[in-house]
Structures are given as structure tokens and as C-alpha cells.
Amino acid sequence: MRELYYPSADGRTTVHAVIWKPEGKILGLVQIIHGMAEYAARYSQFAEYLAAAGYMVCAEDHLGHGGSVLEKEDLGWFSEERDYGIVLKDIRALYLAVKDEAGNVPYFVLGHSMGSFFCRNYIAEFGVGVRGAVIMGTGYKSGAVTALALAMTRLNAAFKGWKHRSAFIKSLAFGSYNKRFGKDCDKNAWLSVNGENVAAYNADELCGFDFTDNGYYVLFSVIRAACSAKTVKRVPKNLPVYFVSGEDDPVGDYGKGVLKSYNKFRKAGIKDIDITLYGGARHEILNDDCSEAVRADILAFFEKNRLR
């Protein structure tokens, strides 16, 4: 793994990214778009697995995350503009920075959780050059729900400021996620059946931090855009898309939200679309007990579409 730094589209921040390169011939390029309150290097084990199969892998730390922040208080803050499009530009900039090194090989994207919603917007804008997209740990929220969430966040920020970390907005976003798993479970049990993974997440100071109102505004905005019919219609009809999620993932409403998103894509005329829901698995399927099967399924998707 090596590090890369480049200027953000916000005109102020230096973005931190990481790259994993195979020892032999590069067969494909995979760009990972990480989730909320985590960072790119958490995908090292998966990236090394792909690199061993011949894939070059890259991932950036979004604004307000990982190595793209200078001070701890910047965690969970995106930009003054509160524009999710800035993050999309940073994602695109990483691809442009590494594509020549990768060579003329098939290009894939994978987005997890919050990153899945960025990924869905990304393939609507840049999908023509993408060989396949993996949408992981995603869900669906109606326009009415996201409009209300945005209005509540704006109201909270009007009184408290955009840097405020609101317990109310956090509860609005995640308050019900642990209910299915018992009253005495860990606060982040919804992430994984695997207790070691949850413990590692809890112990990592770059994971699980509270978002600012600014961060939640961007989160709700990118979800709203990703779930809109307008965005789905812009996805290239011949782009292979693979939805993968835990069947017990509350982000995907325990499969129902994932299926709704899948059906929206199918209704929009996306021709090559597939879905796998892993029984008993929760949100972080790459770190859950099903991880071996998930890695193999995703690699099979890349291999099938690399060779087409």
C-alpha cells in the first residue's frame, strides 16, 4: 500500500488516498468509495485480495474523514459549500491521477454504505467509462423522508451552527439501527455479527465519530440524489451493476431498501443487474462472517465483466 495526496475540489483541502498495486500484470483498476465515519485504509485486506488477483486498487479519504483532515474537530465536516458534488469531483480526480499508471485496463467502482450513494451518483455522471459497479450496503429513502431530514438539519444548524454535532440529528439517522439486535448489545452491533470487527471499529478513533450538521446535510443530500428517478435514469443502460448487502443490514431496511433500489435500476432499463443478500449478515459484509463469500462473489463479478 502506498499513499497519494492531491488537491480537493473545495480549493482548500489536501485529499489523502491509498493505492494497492499487484506485483505482476495489472488486469483491472478498482476504485473503492468508503462509507461514513471510516476511511480508505480499512479496506486493506480486501484490496490486497484483489491485488493478489491482478487488480490495482485505489481509494481516497473523503473530506472530513481519515487522512483528509488536519485536526480532529474536522472529522465529520465536508465543506463550507455543503455540496456532495465536491466529493464526487475528488473521487473522479483520484481515478484521473492513477489511470495512466494502471494502463488501458477495465475500470470498476465499488461503494459501501454512504459511499454506495456517492457511487450511485458517480455512475450516473461518469458511468460511460466504467466496466462495472458494485453497490454495497446501500438502501432507499423517499424524497419526502430526505427532504424532512434536510429541513431538520438546516433548522438545527440555524440555532446551533453547522459545526454542531447534534444528538437529535444522529438519532434521526441511526436511532433504530440496533433495535433488532437486543437491548444489551453493543451500540454498533448493527455493523457486524462478528464481535471482533465491532470492537476494532469502536477502538479506532477514525471510525464512528459523530457527524457535524454540515456532514449530515451532505449525507442526506447525496442519499436524496442517489434515490431519485432522475439520477437512476442517467446510469448507462449497458453498465453491469451488482447490489450486495447483508440481509440483516438496517441501512438497507433488512433487504427491503436494497431490493427497492435494485428494482428502480431495473425499471430504468439497466440491462445487466444482479443482487445478492447474505443471510444473517449485517452492514459491514466485507468484515462480517460472510466476508470470504462476499470477496469471491465480487471478484467473480469483476472477472466476468473484465473479459466481456
Protein backbone atom coordinates (compact mmCIF):
# COMPACT_ATOMS: atom_id res chain seq x y z
CA MET A 1 0.00 0.00 0.00
CA ARG A 2 1.27 3.45 -0.84
CA GLU A 3 -0.12 6.92 -0.18
CA LEU A 4 -1.07 9.69 -2.58
CA TYR A 5 -2.03 13.31 -1.94
CA TYR A 6 -3.82 15.72 -4.27
CA PRO A 7 -5.84 18.96 -4.02
CA SER A 8 -9.56 18.73 -3.28
CA ALA A 9 -12.14 20.39 -5.47
CA ASP A 10 -13.02 22.52 -2.43
CA GLY A 11 -9.90 24.60 -3.17
CA ARG A 12 -8.66 24.32 0.41
CA THR A 13 -8.07 20.71 1.43
CA THR A 14 -5.42 18.16 0.50
CA VAL A 15 -7.04 14.77 -0.10
CA HIS A 16 -5.32 11.65 1.18
CA ALA A 17 -5.59 8.47 -0.88
CA VAL A 18 -4.10 4.97 -0.86
CA ILE A 19 -3.16 2.63 -3.69
CA TRP A 20 -2.60 -1.13 -3.77
CA LYS A 21 -0.78 -2.46 -6.82
CA PRO A 22 -0.34 -6.09 -7.91
CA GLU A 23 3.17 -7.47 -8.30
CA GLY A 24 2.55 -8.73 -11.82
CA LYS A 25 0.45 -7.61 -14.75
CA ILE A 26 -2.44 -5.26 -13.98
CA LEU A 27 -5.71 -6.79 -15.18
CA GLY A 28 -8.10 -4.11 -13.99
CA LEU A 29 -8.49 -1.00 -11.85
CA VAL A 30 -10.91 -0.94 -8.90
CA GLN A 31 -11.82 2.28 -7.11
CA ILE A 32 -13.32 1.91 -3.63
CA ILE A 33 -15.61 4.63 -2.25
CA HIS A 34 -15.70 4.26 1.53
CA GLY A 35 -18.56 4.82 3.93
CA MET A 36 -19.49 7.25 6.68
CA ALA A 37 -17.15 7.74 9.65
CA GLU A 38 -14.44 5.41 8.38
CA TYR A 39 -11.53 5.68 5.90
CA ALA A 40 -9.94 4.12 2.84
CA ALA A 41 -7.23 2.03 4.51
CA ARG A 42 -9.89 -0.01 6.34
CA TYR A 43 -10.29 -1.83 3.02
CA SER A 44 -6.68 -3.05 3.01
CA GLN A 45 -7.50 -6.72 3.45
CA PHE A 46 -10.00 -6.68 0.60
CA ALA A 47 -7.71 -4.56 -1.58
CA GLU A 48 -4.81 -6.95 -1.02
CA TYR A 49 -7.10 -9.82 -2.00
CA LEU A 50 -7.93 -8.04 -5.26
CA ALA A 51 -4.28 -7.11 -5.85
CA ALA A 52 -3.31 -10.78 -5.50
CA ALA A 53 -5.80 -11.48 -8.31
CA GLY A 54 -4.17 -8.84 -10.53
CA TYR A 55 -6.24 -5.73 -9.79
CA MET A 56 -4.85 -2.32 -8.94
CA VAL A 57 -6.99 -0.72 -6.22
CA CYS A 58 -7.32 2.92 -5.18
CA ALA A 59 -9.42 4.76 -2.60
CA GLU A 60 -9.46 8.30 -1.20
CA ASP A 61 -10.44 9.56 2.24
CA HIS A 62 -13.45 11.79 1.72
CA LEU A 63 -13.44 15.33 3.06
CA GLY A 64 -13.97 15.11 6.82
CA HIS A 65 -12.51 11.61 7.01
CA GLY A 66 -9.22 9.82 7.65
CA GLY A 67 -6.08 11.48 6.37
CA SER A 68 -8.03 14.21 4.57
CA VAL A 69 -8.49 16.13 7.84
CA LEU A 70 -5.84 18.23 9.55
CA GLU A 71 -7.37 18.31 13.02
CA LYS A 72 -9.73 16.05 14.95
CA GLU A 73 -12.50 18.65 15.05
CA ASP A 74 -12.68 18.49 11.24
CA LEU A 75 -13.91 14.89 11.34
CA GLY A 76 -17.49 14.77 10.06
CA TRP A 77 -17.25 18.16 8.30
CA PHE A 78 -17.25 18.21 4.48
CA SER A 79 -17.03 21.76 3.15
CA GLU A 80 -18.45 25.26 3.59
CA GLU A 81 -20.50 24.73 0.44
CA ARG A 82 -22.24 21.59 1.80
CA ASP A 83 -22.10 20.26 -1.77
CA TYR A 84 -21.78 16.49 -2.24
CA GLY A 85 -20.61 17.24 -5.79
CA ILE A 86 -17.24 18.31 -4.37
CA VAL A 87 -16.70 14.78 -3.05
CA LEU A 88 -17.71 13.34 -6.44
CA LYS A 89 -15.06 15.54 -8.07
CA ASP A 90 -12.46 14.31 -5.56
CA ILE A 91 -13.40 10.70 -6.35
CA ARG A 92 -13.06 11.41 -10.06
CA ALA A 93 -9.74 13.20 -9.54
CA LEU A 94 -8.24 10.07 -7.97
CA TYR A 95 -9.19 7.99 -10.99
CA LEU A 96 -7.64 10.56 -13.32
CA ALA A 97 -4.47 10.56 -11.18
CA VAL A 98 -3.93 6.78 -11.37
CA LYS A 99 -5.45 5.67 -14.68
CA ASP A 100 -2.25 6.10 -16.70
CA GLU A 101 -0.29 4.01 -14.20
CA ALA A 102 -2.93 1.30 -14.39
CA GLY A 103 -2.84 1.34 -18.17
CA ASN A 104 -5.61 0.60 -20.62
CA VAL A 105 -7.47 -1.85 -18.37
CA PRO A 106 -11.14 -2.23 -17.36
CA TYR A 107 -12.22 0.22 -14.66
CA PHE A 108 -14.58 -0.78 -11.83
CA VAL A 109 -16.08 1.15 -8.90
CA LEU A 110 -17.33 -0.14 -5.55
CA GLY A 111 -19.13 2.00 -3.00
CA HIS A 112 -20.07 0.95 0.53
CA SER A 113 -22.75 2.49 2.79
CA MET A 114 -22.56 6.29 2.40
CA GLY A 115 -20.07 5.51 -0.35
CA SER A 116 -22.75 3.46 -2.13
CA PHE A 117 -24.84 6.62 -2.53
CA PHE A 118 -21.83 8.55 -3.80
CA CYS A 119 -21.20 5.62 -6.16
CA ARG A 120 -24.75 5.69 -7.48
CA ASN A 121 -24.38 9.38 -8.31
CA TYR A 122 -20.89 8.78 -9.71
CA ILE A 123 -22.03 6.18 -12.24
CA ALA A 124 -24.87 8.47 -13.30
CA GLU A 125 -22.28 11.13 -14.17
CA PHE A 126 -19.23 9.10 -15.21
CA GLY A 127 -20.63 5.63 -15.87
CA VAL A 128 -19.81 5.59 -19.59
CA GLY A 129 -16.17 4.78 -18.81
CA VAL A 130 -16.92 2.24 -16.08
CA ARG A 131 -16.89 -1.52 -16.81
CA GLY A 132 -18.94 -2.47 -13.74
CA ALA A 133 -20.22 -1.09 -10.42
CA VAL A 134 -20.69 -2.81 -7.05
CA ILE A 135 -23.27 -1.12 -4.79
CA MET A 136 -22.65 -2.42 -1.27
CA GLY A 137 -24.58 -1.83 1.96
CA THR A 138 -26.97 0.57 0.29
CA GLY A 139 -30.63 1.40 0.84
CA TYR A 140 -33.51 3.56 -0.29
CA LYS A 141 -35.12 6.68 1.16
CA SER A 142 -38.02 8.54 -0.40
CA GLY A 143 -37.76 12.16 -1.44
CA ALA A 144 -40.20 13.12 1.31
CA VAL A 145 -38.05 11.46 4.02
CA THR A 146 -34.81 13.05 2.86
CA ALA A 147 -36.49 16.44 2.42
CA LEU A 148 -37.64 16.30 6.04
CA ALA A 149 -34.17 15.23 7.21
CA LEU A 150 -32.58 18.12 5.32
CA ALA A 151 -35.10 20.59 6.74
CA MET A 152 -34.49 19.39 10.31
CA THR A 153 -30.71 19.64 9.80
CA ARG A 154 -30.99 23.19 8.43
CA LEU A 155 -33.20 24.18 11.38
CA ASN A 156 -30.77 22.68 13.88
CA ALA A 157 -27.83 24.45 12.22
CA ALA A 158 -29.70 27.76 12.24
CA PHE A 159 -29.71 27.64 16.05
CA LYS A 160 -26.52 25.71 16.78
CA GLY A 161 -24.28 26.32 13.77
CA TRP A 162 -23.07 23.95 11.05
CA LYS A 163 -20.23 22.62 13.20
CA HIS A 164 -22.63 21.46 15.92
CA ARG A 165 -22.82 17.70 16.50
CA SER A 166 -26.48 17.09 17.19
CA ALA A 167 -27.63 14.09 19.19
CA PHE A 168 -31.10 14.67 17.74
CA ILE A 169 -29.98 14.51 14.10
CA LYS A 170 -27.86 11.45 14.90
CA SER A 171 -30.92 9.77 16.42
CA LEU A 172 -32.95 10.76 13.37
CA ALA A 173 -30.42 9.00 11.14
CA PHE A 174 -29.46 5.95 13.23
CA GLY A 175 -31.78 5.74 16.22
CA SER A 176 -33.46 2.47 15.25
CA TYR A 177 -30.47 0.59 13.84
CA ASN A 178 -29.75 -1.55 16.89
CA LYS A 179 -33.34 -2.39 17.89
CA ARG A 180 -33.45 -5.77 16.19
CA PHE A 181 -30.29 -6.98 17.94
CA GLY A 182 -31.34 -6.68 21.60
CA LYS A 183 -31.24 -4.09 24.37
CA ASP A 184 -27.94 -5.23 25.83
CA CYS A 185 -25.96 -5.37 22.60
CA ASP A 186 -23.06 -3.09 21.71
CA LYS A 187 -24.12 0.32 20.34
CA ASN A 188 -22.60 -0.62 16.97
CA ALA A 189 -23.79 -4.24 16.84
CA TRP A 190 -25.73 -3.37 13.69
CA LEU A 191 -22.41 -3.19 11.84
CA SER A 192 -21.47 -6.84 12.12
CA VAL A 193 -22.29 -10.23 13.59
CA ASN A 194 -18.55 -10.52 14.18
CA GLY A 195 -17.87 -9.02 17.61
CA GLU A 196 -14.16 -8.59 16.91
CA ASN A 197 -14.96 -6.35 13.96
CA VAL A 198 -17.30 -4.22 16.08
CA ALA A 199 -14.67 -3.94 18.84
CA ALA A 200 -11.99 -2.89 16.34
CA TYR A 201 -14.34 -0.26 14.91
CA ASN A 202 -15.11 1.09 18.38
CA ALA A 203 -11.41 1.29 19.26
CA ASP A 204 -10.45 3.20 16.10
CA GLU A 205 -10.51 6.96 16.68
CA LEU A 206 -11.02 7.50 12.94
CA CYS A 207 -14.22 5.44 12.99
CA GLY A 208 -17.63 6.07 14.48
CA PHE A 209 -17.18 9.78 15.19
CA ASP A 210 -20.28 11.97 15.28
CA PHE A 211 -21.01 13.99 12.17
CA THR A 212 -21.48 17.75 12.28
CA ASP A 213 -24.72 19.23 10.96
CA ASN A 214 -22.67 20.07 7.87
CA GLY A 215 -21.80 16.39 7.47
CA TYR A 216 -25.38 15.23 7.89
CA TYR A 217 -26.59 17.79 5.36
CA VAL A 218 -24.21 16.37 2.75
CA LEU A 219 -25.14 12.80 3.73
CA PHE A 220 -28.87 13.41 3.37
CA SER A 221 -28.28 15.34 0.12
CA VAL A 222 -26.31 12.56 -1.54
CA ILE A 223 -28.87 9.95 -0.45
CA ARG A 224 -31.71 12.09 -1.82
CA ALA A 225 -29.94 12.48 -5.17
CA ALA A 226 -28.97 8.80 -5.42
CA CYS A 227 -32.52 7.60 -4.82
CA SER A 228 -34.13 9.99 -7.29
CA ALA A 229 -35.52 8.64 -10.54
CA LYS A 230 -33.64 11.40 -12.39
CA THR A 231 -30.28 10.05 -11.22
CA VAL A 232 -31.10 6.41 -11.92
CA LYS A 233 -32.20 7.28 -15.47
CA ARG A 234 -28.76 8.76 -16.18
CA VAL A 235 -26.93 5.49 -15.43
CA PRO A 236 -25.77 3.91 -18.73
CA LYS A 237 -28.20 1.14 -19.68
CA ASN A 238 -25.39 -1.29 -20.54
CA LEU A 239 -23.41 -0.79 -17.31
CA PRO A 240 -23.27 -4.00 -15.22
CA VAL A 241 -24.42 -3.24 -11.66
CA TYR A 242 -24.18 -5.64 -8.73
CA PHE A 243 -26.03 -4.95 -5.46
CA VAL A 244 -24.60 -6.76 -2.42
CA SER A 245 -25.82 -6.39 1.15
CA GLY A 246 -26.40 -8.17 4.41
CA GLU A 247 -29.93 -9.46 4.83
CA ASP A 248 -29.90 -8.07 8.39
CA ASP A 249 -28.49 -4.67 7.46
CA PRO A 250 -30.69 -1.84 8.83
CA VAL A 251 -29.24 0.63 6.29
CA GLY A 252 -30.97 -1.43 3.61
CA ASP A 253 -34.10 -1.87 5.76
CA TYR A 254 -33.22 -5.56 6.15
CA GLY A 255 -33.13 -6.17 2.42
CA LYS A 256 -36.28 -4.26 1.51
CA GLY A 257 -34.50 -1.00 0.70
CA VAL A 258 -31.84 -2.81 -1.32
CA LEU A 259 -34.49 -4.61 -3.36
CA LYS A 260 -36.33 -1.33 -3.90
CA SER A 261 -33.14 0.27 -5.26
CA TYR A 262 -32.45 -2.79 -7.41
CA ASN A 263 -35.97 -2.60 -8.85
CA LYS A 264 -35.58 1.14 -9.54
CA PHE A 265 -32.48 0.35 -11.61
CA ARG A 266 -34.25 -2.47 -13.42
CA LYS A 267 -37.26 -0.27 -14.15
CA ALA A 268 -34.90 2.39 -15.56
CA GLY A 269 -33.74 -0.13 -18.14
CA ILE A 270 -30.37 -1.17 -16.72
CA LYS A 271 -29.84 -4.41 -18.65
CA ASP A 272 -27.17 -6.24 -16.65
CA ILE A 273 -28.11 -6.08 -12.98
CA ASP A 274 -27.79 -8.60 -10.18
CA ILE A 275 -28.26 -8.76 -6.41
CA THR A 276 -27.02 -10.90 -3.52
CA LEU A 277 -28.36 -10.62 0.02
CA TYR A 278 -26.23 -12.55 2.52
CA GLY A 279 -28.35 -14.33 5.10
CA GLY A 280 -27.59 -13.45 8.72
CA ALA A 281 -25.10 -10.73 7.74
CA ARG A 282 -25.35 -7.12 8.88
CA HIS A 283 -23.86 -3.91 7.47
CA GLU A 284 -20.12 -4.42 7.01
CA ILE A 285 -20.23 -7.57 4.91
CA LEU A 286 -16.55 -7.32 3.96
CA ASN A 287 -15.72 -7.64 7.67
CA ASP A 288 -18.54 -9.95 8.70
CA ASP A 289 -18.56 -13.74 8.96
CA CYS A 290 -19.62 -13.92 5.31
CA SER A 291 -16.59 -11.94 4.10
CA GLU A 292 -14.96 -14.84 2.24
CA ALA A 293 -18.07 -15.41 0.14
CA VAL A 294 -18.51 -11.67 -0.45
CA ARG A 295 -14.93 -11.25 -1.69
CA ALA A 296 -15.27 -14.23 -4.02
CA ASP A 297 -18.60 -13.01 -5.44
CA ILE A 298 -17.26 -9.51 -6.11
CA LEU A 299 -14.09 -10.84 -7.73
CA ALA A 300 -16.22 -13.12 -9.92
CA PHE A 301 -18.25 -10.07 -10.99
CA PHE A 302 -15.05 -8.21 -11.91
CA GLU A 303 -13.62 -11.20 -13.77
CA LYS A 304 -16.81 -11.79 -15.75
CA ASN A 305 -17.01 -8.19 -16.86
CA ARG A 306 -13.28 -7.73 -17.38
CA LEU A 307 -13.37 -10.43 -20.02
CA ARG A 308 -16.55 -9.39 -21.80
